[in-house]
Protein backbone atom coordinates (compact mmCIF):
# COMPACT_ATOMS: atom_id res chain seq x y z
CA MET A 1 -12.16 24.27 -21.46
CA PRO A 2 -14.40 22.31 -19.29
CA PRO A 3 -13.46 21.79 -15.60
CA LEU A 4 -11.56 18.84 -14.61
CA GLU A 5 -13.68 16.21 -13.32
CA ILE A 6 -12.08 14.14 -10.55
CA LYS A 7 -13.68 10.90 -9.96
CA LYS A 8 -13.23 8.93 -6.81
CA PRO A 9 -11.87 5.52 -7.98
CA PHE A 10 -13.77 2.18 -6.75
CA THR A 11 -16.60 3.83 -5.00
CA LYS A 12 -19.15 1.37 -6.01
CA LYS A 13 -18.31 -2.01 -7.12
CA PRO A 14 -20.60 -2.99 -10.24
CA ASP A 15 -22.80 -6.07 -10.27
CA GLY A 16 -21.03 -9.07 -11.32
CA THR A 17 -17.42 -7.75 -10.50
CA LEU A 18 -15.04 -9.70 -8.38
CA ARG A 19 -12.58 -7.01 -7.07
CA PHE A 20 -9.26 -8.05 -5.63
CA PHE A 21 -6.50 -5.96 -4.23
CA VAL A 22 -2.81 -6.81 -4.05
CA LEU A 23 -0.62 -5.34 -1.21
CA GLY A 24 2.99 -6.00 -1.29
CA ALA A 25 6.35 -4.72 -2.15
CA SER A 26 8.77 -5.02 -5.14
CA SER A 27 7.97 -8.55 -5.69
CA ALA A 28 4.07 -8.06 -6.02
CA ILE A 29 4.80 -5.10 -8.64
CA GLY A 30 6.82 -7.70 -10.63
CA PHE A 31 10.36 -6.64 -9.72
CA PRO A 32 13.02 -7.74 -11.27
CA TYR A 33 10.63 -8.91 -14.08
CA MET A 34 8.59 -6.52 -16.37
CA HIS A 35 5.22 -5.31 -15.06
CA ASN A 36 3.34 -7.84 -17.13
CA GLY A 37 5.24 -10.43 -15.20
CA ALA A 38 3.79 -9.70 -11.80
CA PHE A 39 1.64 -12.29 -10.41
CA PRO A 40 -1.38 -10.01 -10.11
CA ARG A 41 -1.53 -9.94 -13.88
CA MET A 42 -1.21 -13.79 -14.09
CA LEU A 43 -3.93 -14.08 -11.58
CA LYS A 44 -6.21 -11.81 -13.67
CA TYR A 45 -6.05 -14.08 -16.83
CA LYS A 46 -6.52 -16.99 -14.68
CA LEU A 47 -9.68 -15.66 -12.98
CA GLN A 48 -11.06 -14.44 -16.35
CA PHE A 49 -10.56 -17.93 -17.60
CA LEU A 50 -12.48 -19.49 -14.73
CA PHE A 51 -15.28 -16.96 -14.17
CA PRO A 52 -15.96 -15.61 -17.77
CA GLN A 53 -19.45 -14.40 -16.60
CA ASN A 54 -17.74 -11.89 -14.05
CA ASN A 55 -15.79 -8.61 -14.61
CA ILE A 56 -12.63 -9.24 -12.94
CA GLU A 57 -10.78 -6.31 -11.02
CA ILE A 58 -7.25 -6.79 -9.97
CA ILE A 59 -6.15 -3.58 -8.22
CA ASN A 60 -2.27 -3.66 -7.20
CA VAL A 61 -1.65 -1.22 -4.85
CA SER A 62 1.87 -2.36 -4.04
CA LEU A 63 4.93 -0.16 -3.60
CA THR A 64 8.60 -0.78 -3.54
CA ALA A 65 10.55 -0.91 0.01
CA ILE A 66 7.60 -0.97 2.18
CA ASN A 67 6.92 -3.18 5.18
CA THR A 68 3.99 -4.51 7.30
CA TYR A 69 3.33 -1.42 9.13
CA THR A 70 2.49 0.33 5.89
CA LEU A 71 0.57 -2.73 4.58
CA TYR A 72 -1.58 -2.91 7.75
CA ASP A 73 -2.48 0.78 7.24
CA PHE A 74 -3.36 0.33 3.67
CA SER A 75 -5.37 -2.95 4.38
CA ARG A 76 -7.53 -0.95 6.75
CA GLN A 77 -8.45 1.78 4.49
CA LEU A 78 -9.26 -1.01 1.30
CA VAL A 79 -12.30 -2.29 3.26
CA ASP A 80 -14.12 0.69 2.12
CA TYR A 81 -13.80 -0.08 -1.51
CA GLN A 82 -15.59 -3.49 -1.08
CA PRO A 83 -13.04 -6.07 -1.86
CA ASP A 84 -13.93 -9.65 -2.38
CA CYS A 85 -10.37 -10.39 -1.53
CA ILE A 86 -7.27 -8.59 -0.34
CA LEU A 87 -4.00 -10.53 -1.30
CA ILE A 88 -0.77 -9.66 0.63
CA TYR A 89 2.53 -10.76 -0.71
CA ALA A 90 5.04 -9.27 1.47
CA GLY A 91 8.02 -10.01 4.01
CA HIS A 92 10.97 -9.33 1.70
CA THR A 93 11.86 -5.97 3.15
CA GLU A 94 10.80 -6.53 6.79
CA TYR A 95 14.47 -7.02 7.68
CA TYR A 96 16.34 -4.29 5.90
CA GLY A 97 13.38 -2.03 5.13
CA ALA A 98 12.29 1.16 6.74
CA LEU A 99 11.58 0.40 10.65
CA GLY A 100 12.90 -3.17 9.88
CA ILE A 101 15.08 -4.82 12.47
CA ALA A 102 18.30 -4.46 10.61
CA SER A 103 17.57 -0.77 9.35
CA SER A 104 20.05 1.77 10.31
CA SER A 105 17.32 3.09 12.98
CA ARG A 106 17.17 1.42 16.28
CA LEU A 107 13.34 2.12 16.51
CA GLY A 108 12.70 -1.12 14.37
CA ARG A 109 13.52 -3.12 17.51
CA ASN A 110 10.46 -1.76 19.41
CA HIS A 111 7.05 -2.52 17.93
CA GLN A 112 5.12 -0.69 20.67
CA PHE A 113 7.03 2.42 20.03
CA ILE A 114 6.40 2.11 16.22
CA ASN A 115 2.96 1.53 16.62
CA LEU A 116 2.49 4.47 18.97
CA THR A 117 4.40 6.75 16.76
CA LEU A 118 2.55 5.68 13.60
CA ALA A 119 -0.79 6.32 15.55
CA ALA A 120 0.51 9.75 16.82
CA LYS A 121 1.22 10.93 13.18
CA LYS A 122 -2.60 10.70 12.54
CA LEU A 123 -3.21 13.50 15.15
CA LYS A 124 -3.51 17.11 13.90
CA LEU A 125 -1.35 18.29 16.51
CA MET A 126 1.44 16.06 15.46
CA GLN A 127 1.04 17.01 11.86
CA GLY A 128 1.19 20.70 12.86
CA LEU A 129 4.41 20.31 14.78
CA THR A 130 5.87 18.31 11.91
CA ARG A 131 5.14 20.89 9.61
CA LEU A 132 6.60 23.73 11.99
CA ALA A 133 9.73 21.36 12.34
CA GLU A 134 10.08 21.36 8.41
CA ILE A 135 9.90 25.22 8.24
CA TYR A 136 12.39 26.04 11.12
CA VAL A 137 14.77 23.20 10.86
CA PRO A 138 16.78 23.06 7.76
CA ALA A 139 17.23 19.74 5.95
CA THR A 140 20.51 18.29 6.17
CA PRO A 141 22.60 17.90 3.00
CA HIS A 142 23.28 14.13 2.20
C-alpha cells in the first residue's frame, strides 16, 4: 500500500482563479436550510455565470456557534491562501454564543480580558499548563 500523501490545500492559487473565503456561523453554512441552500453556493453559481472565463473557488470555513473572536483569528490566517475576497456573515451568535455578553460566563463583558486570554493561549507556556491541568484535574460530570 503506498504511503498516504497529505497535500496542503490552497497553497498556490492557479492562474485565472477567483478565490473567495466565507466566514460565519450557522447561517453561512445554510442552517436552517439544506447545505446547497447556503448563500456561498448561490454566490458561486452567480459568479460562474458572470465570469465564465475564471475558475471560481468558494471556500466556506464557517462553523456553528462561533463569534467574532474566532472569526478574527480565522481571517488573519486566511490571508496566506491568496484570497481575492473574504466574506464575513456573522453576528447571530454574538449575544448568546461563547464569550457573548449574555453567555453564562461573565468574561464576555470584558473585551480586553478576552483578547488577553486568547493571545495567552498561543504561548507554549500556557499550552503546557493547560495540558497539565487536564491531566491532574478530572473533568466534572455534567
